[in-house]
Amino acid sequence: MNYSTKPKLIAVVGPTATGKTSLGIDLALQLDGEVVNADSRLFYYGMDVATAKPTQNEIKGIPHHLIDFLSPSEQYNLAEYLKKARLVITEILDRGKVPILVGGSGQYVWAIIEGWKVPEIQPDPSLRSHLELKLAQNGIGPLAEQLAAISPITAETTDLRNPRRVIRAIERVQSKSINSSFTEGRSTDSPFDHYIVGLMIDRTNLHARVLERLDSMDKNGWKQEVELLLQAGYSTKDRALSAIGYPQMISHLNGECDFSESIRLTAVATNRLIRHQNNWFKQNDTRINWFDMTRNPKRHTQSIISAATKWLGLK
């Protein structure tokens, strides 16, 4: 039995396509919990298929928080997420329920679990214009090198292939706020008594799952979803549409590549994301209880539920 007086929080983490969403729902059903989303791609309404957002049937009546609350054109940052997520978690605890944090966005997950203090930083228009000009003239390489030079720690935890994230990271460093979110924030004294479940699948099977997901996206209206977003006036200039699956399909719709190439590019980007997620959730991290879901996932799901139930002291 767990005797800590801190509020209890369960987290389900790991790379994409490992089954985090369904496990979070199963845990919530068994433990009287509610799910708090920690996947930044699910914040935006109208973006369902390419993000593998759970359907109403799939969530089985379990409350899901911080999903579908932003327009694809809205800007959002870690500080705003923390404010909303902490409020939601407090409300869940006040109802006597178990908050279950689910997602693969490592920065969001650890910021909650470790209690990061991240001030809201307003963009610097002058600096941003300078960085965007540099990007247009020389590509992402020099910006990634600049970030690594001024803050190696930040560079290590930033997707250096994503121009928006690199520019935003440089802005944070230049504003001198980075010490709050990456050094002071990474405390060993979490505000929660937490049980972290990590899901993994061997590389071959995970790649096969990625391809299965892409096939499912195609059958569920991936192309039509992107067409609707474009008709509504959104574009790749909107931060949300930089999410995997959207630029690739937009390139196809613009006649820049055929459909099979958009599939290939999406698979490449997804596998790159998986490598990035593995940097956030390392298998040698002793805080994470890892479960290999490669074979017999149902049996492992029951093992996870049993372990979480015991940790909560419910039996």
Protein backbone atom coordinates (compact mmCIF):
# COMPACT_ATOMS: atom_id res chain seq x y z
CA MET A 1 0.00 0.00 0.00
CA ASN A 2 1.14 3.54 -0.81
CA TYR A 3 1.08 5.82 2.28
CA SER A 4 2.25 9.12 0.72
CA THR A 5 0.16 12.16 1.65
CA LYS A 6 0.72 13.82 -1.74
CA PRO A 7 -2.14 13.72 -4.25
CA LYS A 8 -1.95 10.61 -6.42
CA LEU A 9 -1.44 10.74 -10.16
CA ILE A 10 -1.05 7.93 -12.70
CA ALA A 11 0.72 8.65 -15.98
CA VAL A 12 0.83 6.56 -19.17
CA VAL A 13 3.79 7.45 -21.37
CA GLY A 14 5.86 6.14 -24.26
CA PRO A 15 6.20 6.57 -28.01
CA THR A 16 3.31 6.89 -30.41
CA ALA A 17 1.37 3.78 -31.55
CA THR A 18 2.09 1.78 -28.39
CA GLY A 19 -1.50 1.81 -27.09
CA LYS A 20 -1.39 4.62 -24.53
CA THR A 21 -4.89 5.91 -25.34
CA SER A 22 -6.67 2.57 -24.89
CA LEU A 23 -4.68 1.76 -21.74
CA GLY A 24 -5.57 5.11 -20.21
CA ILE A 25 -9.25 4.38 -20.81
CA ASP A 26 -8.95 0.87 -19.33
CA LEU A 27 -7.22 2.24 -16.23
CA ALA A 28 -9.87 4.94 -15.81
CA LEU A 29 -12.66 2.36 -16.09
CA GLN A 30 -11.09 0.11 -13.47
CA LEU A 31 -9.80 2.76 -11.06
CA ASP A 32 -12.62 5.33 -11.19
CA GLY A 33 -10.40 7.79 -13.03
CA GLU A 34 -10.51 10.57 -15.58
CA VAL A 35 -8.04 11.11 -18.40
CA VAL A 36 -5.95 14.28 -18.73
CA ASN A 37 -4.49 14.61 -22.21
CA ALA A 38 -0.75 15.27 -22.55
CA ASP A 39 -0.53 14.96 -26.33
CA SER A 40 -0.24 18.41 -27.88
CA ARG A 41 -1.70 17.21 -31.20
CA LEU A 42 -5.08 16.52 -29.58
CA PHE A 43 -5.65 20.09 -28.36
CA TYR A 44 -7.15 21.21 -31.68
CA TYR A 45 -10.69 20.60 -32.88
CA GLY A 46 -11.23 19.54 -36.46
CA MET A 47 -7.99 17.54 -36.36
CA ASP A 48 -9.12 14.02 -35.52
CA VAL A 49 -8.00 11.48 -38.09
CA ALA A 50 -4.32 12.26 -38.55
CA THR A 51 -3.86 12.71 -34.80
CA ALA A 52 -5.53 9.36 -33.96
CA LYS A 53 -7.83 11.20 -31.57
CA PRO A 54 -10.08 8.75 -29.68
CA THR A 55 -13.71 8.67 -30.82
CA GLN A 56 -16.73 8.94 -28.54
CA ASN A 57 -17.20 5.17 -28.84
CA GLU A 58 -13.58 4.51 -27.95
CA ILE A 59 -13.54 6.64 -24.78
CA LYS A 60 -16.39 4.51 -23.31
CA GLY A 61 -17.86 7.40 -21.36
CA ILE A 62 -14.62 8.27 -19.56
CA PRO A 63 -14.15 12.05 -19.18
CA HIS A 64 -11.23 13.26 -21.29
CA HIS A 65 -9.81 16.69 -20.49
CA LEU A 66 -7.74 19.09 -22.62
CA ILE A 67 -8.91 17.70 -25.95
CA ASP A 68 -10.63 19.78 -28.65
CA PHE A 69 -10.35 23.12 -26.88
CA LEU A 70 -8.32 25.12 -29.42
CA SER A 71 -8.80 26.32 -32.98
CA PRO A 72 -5.98 25.18 -35.31
CA SER A 73 -5.00 28.84 -35.72
CA GLU A 74 -4.56 29.48 -31.98
CA GLN A 75 -1.13 29.72 -30.40
CA TYR A 76 -0.47 27.73 -27.24
CA ASN A 77 2.50 27.15 -24.99
CA LEU A 78 3.69 25.07 -22.07
CA ALA A 79 2.87 27.69 -19.45
CA GLU A 80 -0.74 27.86 -20.61
CA TYR A 81 -0.99 24.08 -20.66
CA LEU A 82 0.34 23.79 -17.11
CA LYS A 83 -2.19 26.31 -15.82
CA LYS A 84 -5.10 24.42 -17.36
CA ALA A 85 -3.81 20.93 -16.58
CA ARG A 86 -3.13 21.68 -12.92
CA LEU A 87 -6.61 23.12 -12.51
CA VAL A 88 -8.18 20.08 -14.17
CA ILE A 89 -6.15 17.65 -12.03
CA THR A 90 -7.18 19.50 -8.86
CA GLU A 91 -10.84 19.29 -9.87
CA ILE A 92 -10.54 15.55 -10.57
CA LEU A 93 -8.96 14.96 -7.18
CA ASP A 94 -11.68 17.06 -5.51
CA ARG A 95 -14.27 14.73 -7.06
CA GLY A 96 -12.51 11.79 -5.45
CA LYS A 97 -11.37 10.46 -8.83
CA VAL A 98 -7.94 9.37 -10.03
CA PRO A 99 -6.25 11.69 -12.58
CA ILE A 100 -4.64 9.67 -15.36
CA LEU A 101 -2.19 11.68 -17.46
CA VAL A 102 -1.89 10.16 -20.93
CA GLY A 103 0.33 11.26 -23.80
CA GLY A 104 3.62 11.21 -25.61
CA SER A 105 4.54 14.90 -25.45
CA GLY A 106 7.45 14.52 -23.05
CA GLN A 107 7.82 18.17 -22.14
CA TYR A 108 4.17 18.39 -21.09
CA VAL A 109 4.27 15.13 -19.12
CA TRP A 110 7.41 15.91 -17.12
CA ALA A 111 6.37 19.50 -16.54
CA ILE A 112 3.28 18.19 -14.71
CA ILE A 113 5.00 15.36 -12.86
CA GLU A 114 8.06 17.38 -11.84
CA GLY A 115 6.19 20.57 -11.03
CA TRP A 116 8.02 22.85 -13.46
CA LYS A 117 7.68 26.60 -12.94
CA VAL A 118 7.32 28.06 -16.42
CA PRO A 119 6.49 31.76 -16.78
CA GLU A 120 4.32 32.83 -19.69
CA ILE A 121 6.69 34.37 -22.22
CA GLN A 122 5.41 36.80 -24.82
CA PRO A 123 7.04 36.40 -28.25
CA ASP A 124 9.66 38.99 -29.17
CA PRO A 125 8.52 40.25 -32.62
CA SER A 126 11.93 41.68 -33.49
CA LEU A 127 13.81 38.53 -32.52
CA ARG A 128 11.25 36.31 -34.21
CA SER A 129 11.46 38.28 -37.46
CA HIS A 130 15.25 37.98 -37.38
CA LEU A 131 15.09 34.23 -36.76
CA GLU A 132 12.46 33.66 -39.46
CA LEU A 133 14.58 35.61 -41.96
CA LYS A 134 17.57 33.47 -41.02
CA LEU A 135 15.42 30.37 -41.50
CA ALA A 136 14.24 31.52 -44.94
CA GLN A 137 17.79 32.33 -46.07
CA ASN A 138 19.73 29.42 -44.63
CA GLY A 139 17.31 26.71 -43.51
CA ILE A 140 16.93 25.10 -40.09
CA GLY A 141 20.58 24.02 -39.68
CA PRO A 142 22.10 27.32 -38.50
CA LEU A 143 19.19 27.92 -36.10
CA ALA A 144 19.64 24.46 -34.58
CA GLU A 145 23.37 25.18 -34.19
CA GLN A 146 22.57 28.54 -32.57
CA LEU A 147 20.27 26.86 -30.03
CA ALA A 148 22.87 24.20 -29.25
CA ALA A 149 25.50 26.88 -28.73
CA ILE A 150 23.47 29.03 -26.32
CA SER A 151 21.72 26.20 -24.44
CA PRO A 152 22.86 22.60 -25.05
CA ILE A 153 20.30 21.30 -22.51
CA THR A 154 17.44 22.92 -24.39
CA ALA A 155 18.75 21.69 -27.74
CA GLU A 156 18.85 18.14 -26.40
CA THR A 157 15.13 18.22 -25.62
CA THR A 158 13.95 20.15 -28.69
CA ASP A 159 12.99 18.70 -32.07
CA LEU A 160 15.76 20.33 -34.08
CA ARG A 161 14.00 19.54 -37.35
CA ASN A 162 10.94 21.58 -36.37
CA PRO A 163 11.53 25.27 -37.22
CA ARG A 164 8.73 26.59 -34.98
CA ARG A 165 10.00 24.71 -31.94
CA VAL A 166 13.60 25.74 -32.53
CA ILE A 167 12.63 29.41 -32.90
CA ARG A 168 10.45 29.28 -29.80
CA ALA A 169 13.25 27.58 -27.83
CA ILE A 170 15.70 30.32 -28.83
CA GLU A 171 13.15 32.92 -27.72
CA ARG A 172 12.85 31.22 -24.33
CA VAL A 173 16.61 31.09 -23.87
CA GLN A 174 17.08 34.68 -24.95
CA SER A 175 14.38 35.77 -22.49
CA LYS A 176 16.44 34.08 -19.75
CA SER A 177 13.38 32.06 -18.67
CA ILE A 178 14.87 28.74 -19.63
CA ASN A 179 16.34 28.17 -16.16
CA SER A 180 12.80 27.98 -14.78
CA SER A 181 11.57 25.32 -17.15
CA PHE A 182 14.58 23.09 -17.59
CA THR A 183 16.84 23.39 -14.56
CA GLU A 184 14.81 24.62 -11.64
CA GLY A 185 11.84 22.72 -13.05
CA ARG A 186 13.50 19.33 -13.08
CA SER A 187 13.09 18.69 -9.39
CA THR A 188 13.21 15.34 -7.65
CA ASP A 189 10.46 16.57 -5.33
CA SER A 190 7.32 16.03 -7.41
CA PRO A 191 4.07 17.66 -6.29
CA PHE A 192 2.41 14.27 -6.87
CA ASP A 193 2.71 10.78 -5.56
CA HIS A 194 2.95 9.31 -9.03
CA TYR A 195 2.91 5.91 -10.70
CA ILE A 196 4.27 6.10 -14.24
CA VAL A 197 3.47 3.37 -16.75
CA GLY A 198 5.73 3.23 -19.80
CA LEU A 199 4.66 1.28 -22.88
CA MET A 200 7.14 -0.10 -25.37
CA ILE A 201 6.99 -2.29 -28.46
CA ASP A 202 9.94 -3.73 -30.33
CA ARG A 203 11.09 -1.68 -33.30
CA THR A 204 9.88 -4.01 -36.07
CA ASN A 205 6.40 -4.37 -34.64
CA LEU A 206 6.16 -0.67 -33.82
CA HIS A 207 7.02 0.22 -37.42
CA ALA A 208 4.30 -2.19 -38.57
CA ARG A 209 1.84 -0.47 -36.22
CA VAL A 210 2.75 2.90 -37.71
CA LEU A 211 1.96 1.58 -41.20
CA GLU A 212 -1.32 0.12 -39.93
CA ARG A 213 -2.22 3.49 -38.44
CA LEU A 214 -1.52 5.20 -41.77
CA ASP A 215 -3.78 2.71 -43.54
CA SER A 216 -6.49 3.38 -40.96
CA MET A 217 -6.06 7.14 -41.43
CA ASP A 218 -6.61 6.71 -45.16
CA LYS A 219 -9.77 4.66 -44.64
CA ASN A 220 -11.14 7.05 -41.99
CA GLY A 221 -10.95 10.16 -44.14
CA TRP A 222 -7.47 11.62 -43.68
CA LYS A 223 -7.53 13.36 -47.08
CA GLN A 224 -11.05 14.71 -46.54
CA GLU A 225 -10.12 16.04 -43.09
CA VAL A 226 -7.21 18.04 -44.49
CA GLU A 227 -9.33 19.33 -47.37
CA LEU A 228 -11.91 20.63 -44.87
CA LEU A 229 -9.22 22.38 -42.85
CA LEU A 230 -7.85 24.06 -45.97
CA GLN A 231 -11.36 25.10 -47.05
CA ALA A 232 -11.84 26.65 -43.60
CA GLY A 233 -8.84 28.88 -44.27
CA TYR A 234 -6.17 27.07 -42.26
CA SER A 235 -2.73 26.37 -43.71
CA THR A 236 0.76 25.18 -42.79
CA LYS A 237 1.35 28.71 -41.46
CA ASP A 238 -0.87 27.69 -38.56
CA ARG A 239 1.14 25.96 -35.86
CA ALA A 240 -1.34 23.10 -35.46
CA LEU A 241 -1.04 22.05 -39.10
CA SER A 242 2.66 21.38 -38.67
CA ALA A 243 1.61 18.18 -36.85
CA ILE A 244 2.56 14.95 -38.58
CA GLY A 245 0.19 13.96 -41.36
CA TYR A 246 -0.93 17.45 -42.29
CA PRO A 247 2.03 18.97 -44.21
CA GLN A 248 2.48 15.64 -46.01
CA MET A 249 -1.16 15.47 -47.14
CA ILE A 250 -1.18 19.17 -48.04
CA SER A 251 1.84 18.55 -50.29
CA HIS A 252 -0.14 15.79 -52.02
CA LEU A 253 -3.24 17.99 -52.41
CA ASN A 254 -1.04 20.74 -53.88
CA GLY A 255 0.28 18.30 -56.48
CA GLU A 256 3.80 18.30 -55.06
CA CYS A 257 3.86 14.52 -54.49
CA ASP A 258 1.67 11.50 -55.15
CA PHE A 259 -0.31 9.79 -52.41
CA SER A 260 2.18 6.97 -51.88
CA GLU A 261 4.93 9.55 -51.30
CA SER A 262 2.79 11.40 -48.74
CA ILE A 263 2.34 8.06 -46.95
CA ARG A 264 6.10 7.45 -47.00
CA LEU A 265 6.91 10.94 -45.75
CA THR A 266 4.36 10.61 -42.94
CA ALA A 267 5.86 7.28 -41.90
CA VAL A 268 9.36 8.80 -41.88
CA ALA A 269 8.16 11.74 -39.77
CA THR A 270 6.36 9.39 -37.36
CA ASN A 271 9.44 7.26 -36.85
CA ARG A 272 11.47 10.42 -36.26
CA LEU A 273 8.89 11.43 -33.64
CA ILE A 274 9.25 8.05 -31.96
CA ARG A 275 13.00 8.55 -31.65
CA HIS A 276 12.38 12.00 -30.15
CA GLN A 277 9.86 10.56 -27.68
CA ASN A 278 12.35 7.90 -26.65
CA ASN A 279 14.71 10.70 -25.64
CA TRP A 280 12.07 11.98 -23.22
CA PHE A 281 11.07 8.57 -21.88
CA LYS A 282 14.21 6.52 -21.42
CA GLN A 283 14.03 2.84 -20.57
CA ASN A 284 16.68 3.28 -17.87
CA ASP A 285 14.56 5.90 -16.07
CA THR A 286 13.79 4.22 -12.76
CA ARG A 287 10.68 6.37 -12.25
CA ILE A 288 8.97 4.61 -15.14
CA ASN A 289 7.49 1.12 -14.82
CA TRP A 290 8.00 -0.29 -18.31
CA PHE A 291 5.74 -2.89 -19.94
CA ASP A 292 6.53 -4.54 -23.26
CA MET A 293 3.28 -4.61 -25.25
CA THR A 294 4.77 -6.37 -28.29
CA ARG A 295 2.99 -9.64 -27.57
CA ASN A 296 -0.19 -10.41 -25.65
CA PRO A 297 -1.12 -6.78 -24.87
CA LYS A 298 -4.34 -7.88 -23.13
CA ARG A 299 -2.40 -9.85 -20.54
CA HIS A 300 -0.01 -6.95 -19.97
CA THR A 301 -2.96 -4.56 -19.65
CA GLN A 302 -4.32 -6.69 -16.83
CA SER A 303 -0.88 -6.72 -15.20
CA ILE A 304 -0.73 -2.92 -15.40
CA ILE A 305 -4.21 -2.55 -13.92
CA SER A 306 -3.31 -4.93 -11.09
CA ALA A 307 -0.06 -3.06 -10.38
CA ALA A 308 -1.80 0.34 -10.40
CA THR A 309 -4.60 -1.00 -8.18
CA LYS A 310 -2.08 -2.29 -5.67
CA TRP A 311 -0.16 0.99 -5.80
CA LEU A 312 -3.35 2.91 -5.01
CA GLY A 313 -3.96 0.59 -2.08
CA LEU A 314 -7.33 -0.56 -3.42
CA LYS A 315 -6.58 -4.22 -2.75
